[in-house]
Amino acid sequence: MSTQNFHERFLKCLPRLLKSAAFVRTFRKGLGKKSDRILDRVRKRLPVDLDDIDNLYDAAWNAYQDCAEYILTLGWDANRPGGGGAEWLRCCEGVYVLTRGVA
């Protein structure tokens, strides 16, 4: 899946994530001065200005990472340089995201 597809799919989950007060607090801080206008458009499922899309995604992703609970962590070590890593499954308001990190 391309990064753009993930961004689009993740942003479609915003109305559900906005049910979490902790998510909203962190999300507002990340959006800065435009938070009220952008949140109003998201809640009404209206398009957001193209200039604000990257900021919207960054603020939403950062809020998700701060608020989501770890459900499952899998780590591995292949006993060689660059052969280890981990995968994390997190959830916030029923939105599950699997991420991966390689050492």
C-alpha atoms as a PDB file:
ATOM      1  CA  MET A   1       0.000   0.000   0.000  1.00  0.00           C
ATOM      2  CA  SER A   2       1.412   3.395  -0.918  1.00  0.00           C
ATOM      3  CA  THR A   3       1.911   6.118   1.652  1.00  0.00           C
ATOM      4  CA  GLN A   4      -0.731   8.261  -0.047  1.00  0.00           C
ATOM      5  CA  ASN A   5      -3.315   5.486   0.204  1.00  0.00           C
ATOM      6  CA  PHE A   6      -2.563   5.101   3.908  1.00  0.00           C
ATOM      7  CA  HIS A   7      -2.927   8.861   4.468  1.00  0.00           C
ATOM      8  CA  GLU A   8      -6.289   8.909   2.695  1.00  0.00           C
ATOM      9  CA  ARG A   9      -7.576   5.823   4.502  1.00  0.00           C
ATOM     10  CA  PHE A  10      -6.354   7.080   7.876  1.00  0.00           C
ATOM     11  CA  LEU A  11      -8.012  10.479   7.411  1.00  0.00           C
ATOM     12  CA  LYS A  12     -11.326   8.742   6.671  1.00  0.00           C
ATOM     13  CA  CYS A  13     -11.171   7.470  10.273  1.00  0.00           C
ATOM     14  CA  LEU A  14     -11.047  10.979  11.759  1.00  0.00           C
ATOM     15  CA  PRO A  15     -14.760  11.231  12.635  1.00  0.00           C
ATOM     16  CA  ARG A  16     -14.414   8.041  14.690  1.00  0.00           C
ATOM     17  CA  LEU A  17     -11.174   9.204  16.351  1.00  0.00           C
ATOM     18  CA  LEU A  18     -12.791  12.520  17.293  1.00  0.00           C
ATOM     19  CA  LYS A  19     -14.922  10.592  19.811  1.00  0.00           C
ATOM     20  CA  SER A  20     -11.832  10.427  22.051  1.00  0.00           C
ATOM     21  CA  ALA A  21     -11.365  13.548  24.199  1.00  0.00           C
ATOM     22  CA  ALA A  22      -7.644  12.810  24.573  1.00  0.00           C
ATOM     23  CA  PHE A  23      -7.271  12.522  20.799  1.00  0.00           C
ATOM     24  CA  VAL A  24      -9.104  15.821  20.239  1.00  0.00           C
ATOM     25  CA  ARG A  25      -6.924  17.689  22.758  1.00  0.00           C
ATOM     26  CA  THR A  26      -3.691  16.491  21.135  1.00  0.00           C
ATOM     27  CA  PHE A  27      -5.108  16.941  17.633  1.00  0.00           C
ATOM     28  CA  ARG A  28      -6.104  20.575  18.331  1.00  0.00           C
ATOM     29  CA  LYS A  29      -2.610  21.386  19.599  1.00  0.00           C
ATOM     30  CA  GLY A  30      -1.118  19.908  16.444  1.00  0.00           C
ATOM     31  CA  LEU A  31      -3.387  21.954  14.169  1.00  0.00           C
ATOM     32  CA  GLY A  32      -2.603  25.241  15.881  1.00  0.00           C
ATOM     33  CA  LYS A  33      -4.568  28.376  15.004  1.00  0.00           C
ATOM     34  CA  LYS A  34      -6.637  26.697  12.290  1.00  0.00           C
ATOM     35  CA  SER A  35      -7.919  23.939  14.587  1.00  0.00           C
ATOM     36  CA  ASP A  36     -11.499  25.207  15.018  1.00  0.00           C
ATOM     37  CA  ARG A  37     -12.063  25.734  11.284  1.00  0.00           C
ATOM     38  CA  ILE A  38     -10.495  22.421  10.279  1.00  0.00           C
ATOM     39  CA  LEU A  39     -12.276  20.436  13.007  1.00  0.00           C
ATOM     40  CA  ASP A  40     -15.606  21.932  11.987  1.00  0.00           C
ATOM     41  CA  ARG A  41     -15.049  20.848   8.363  1.00  0.00           C
ATOM     42  CA  VAL A  42     -13.950  17.345   9.409  1.00  0.00           C
ATOM     43  CA  ARG A  43     -16.953  16.871  11.714  1.00  0.00           C
ATOM     44  CA  LYS A  44     -19.306  17.964   8.921  1.00  0.00           C
ATOM     45  CA  ARG A  45     -17.443  15.674   6.486  1.00  0.00           C
ATOM     46  CA  LEU A  46     -16.630  18.625   4.236  1.00  0.00           C
ATOM     47  CA  PRO A  47     -13.456  18.821   2.140  1.00  0.00           C
ATOM     48  CA  VAL A  48     -10.437  20.397   3.788  1.00  0.00           C
ATOM     49  CA  ASP A  49      -8.298  22.914   1.894  1.00  0.00           C
ATOM     50  CA  LEU A  50      -5.447  21.261   0.029  1.00  0.00           C
ATOM     51  CA  ASP A  51      -3.007  23.538   1.884  1.00  0.00           C
ATOM     52  CA  ASP A  52      -4.201  22.040   5.179  1.00  0.00           C
ATOM     53  CA  ILE A  53      -4.186  18.327   4.206  1.00  0.00           C
ATOM     54  CA  ASP A  54      -0.547  17.642   5.204  1.00  0.00           C
ATOM     55  CA  ASN A  55      -0.989  19.485   8.513  1.00  0.00           C
ATOM     56  CA  LEU A  56      -4.234  17.621   9.091  1.00  0.00           C
ATOM     57  CA  TYR A  57      -2.590  14.244   8.521  1.00  0.00           C
ATOM     58  CA  ASP A  58       0.479  15.088  10.648  1.00  0.00           C
ATOM     59  CA  ALA A  59      -1.651  16.358  13.552  1.00  0.00           C
ATOM     60  CA  ALA A  60      -3.991  13.340  13.334  1.00  0.00           C
ATOM     61  CA  TRP A  61      -1.157  10.805  13.142  1.00  0.00           C
ATOM     62  CA  ASN A  62       0.706  12.386  16.066  1.00  0.00           C
ATOM     63  CA  ALA A  63      -2.502  12.465  18.141  1.00  0.00           C
ATOM     64  CA  TYR A  64      -3.175   8.826  17.261  1.00  0.00           C
ATOM     65  CA  GLN A  65       0.314   7.783  18.349  1.00  0.00           C
ATOM     66  CA  ASP A  66      -0.097   9.648  21.647  1.00  0.00           C
ATOM     67  CA  CYS A  67      -3.556   8.236  22.416  1.00  0.00           C
ATOM     68  CA  ALA A  68      -3.664   4.727  20.940  1.00  0.00           C
ATOM     69  CA  GLU A  69      -3.165   1.737  23.207  1.00  0.00           C
ATOM     70  CA  TYR A  70      -0.658  -0.961  22.333  1.00  0.00           C
ATOM     71  CA  ILE A  71      -2.564  -4.162  21.658  1.00  0.00           C
ATOM     72  CA  LEU A  72       0.291  -6.376  20.473  1.00  0.00           C
ATOM     73  CA  THR A  73       4.048  -6.040  20.035  1.00  0.00           C
ATOM     74  CA  LEU A  74       6.115  -8.580  18.123  1.00  0.00           C
ATOM     75  CA  GLY A  75       9.894  -8.319  18.075  1.00  0.00           C
ATOM     76  CA  TRP A  76      12.543 -10.381  16.385  1.00  0.00           C
ATOM     77  CA  ASP A  77      16.308 -10.629  16.240  1.00  0.00           C
ATOM     78  CA  ALA A  78      17.949 -12.448  13.333  1.00  0.00           C
ATOM     79  CA  ASN A  79      21.297 -12.343  15.174  1.00  0.00           C
ATOM     80  CA  ARG A  80      22.916 -10.237  12.452  1.00  0.00           C
ATOM     81  CA  PRO A  81      23.172  -6.494  11.756  1.00  0.00           C
ATOM     82  CA  GLY A  82      19.938  -5.142  10.326  1.00  0.00           C
ATOM     83  CA  GLY A  83      18.203  -8.429  11.031  1.00  0.00           C
ATOM     84  CA  GLY A  84      15.971  -7.332  13.869  1.00  0.00           C
ATOM     85  CA  GLY A  85      12.830  -5.309  14.211  1.00  0.00           C
ATOM     86  CA  ALA A  86       9.370  -5.084  15.651  1.00  0.00           C
ATOM     87  CA  GLU A  87       5.732  -4.689  14.700  1.00  0.00           C
ATOM     88  CA  TRP A  88       3.194  -2.852  16.815  1.00  0.00           C
ATOM     89  CA  LEU A  89      -0.576  -3.091  16.698  1.00  0.00           C
ATOM     90  CA  ARG A  90      -2.326  -0.110  18.288  1.00  0.00           C
ATOM     91  CA  CYS A  91      -5.953   0.915  18.705  1.00  0.00           C
ATOM     92  CA  CYS A  92      -7.828   4.142  19.445  1.00  0.00           C
ATOM     93  CA  GLU A  93     -11.652   4.295  19.229  1.00  0.00           C
ATOM     94  CA  GLY A  94     -11.758   1.078  17.204  1.00  0.00           C
ATOM     95  CA  VAL A  95      -9.200   2.272  14.655  1.00  0.00           C
ATOM     96  CA  TYR A  96      -6.406  -0.320  14.470  1.00  0.00           C
ATOM     97  CA  VAL A  97      -3.034   0.454  12.878  1.00  0.00           C
ATOM     98  CA  LEU A  98      -0.117  -1.938  12.410  1.00  0.00           C
ATOM     99  CA  THR A  99       3.337  -0.323  12.147  1.00  0.00           C
ATOM    100  CA  ARG A 100       6.762  -1.814  11.666  1.00  0.00           C
ATOM    101  CA  GLY A 101      10.295  -0.814  12.563  1.00  0.00           C
ATOM    102  CA  VAL A 102      13.455  -2.525  11.382  1.00  0.00           C
ATOM    103  CA  ALA A 103      16.776  -2.188  13.176  1.00  0.00           C
END
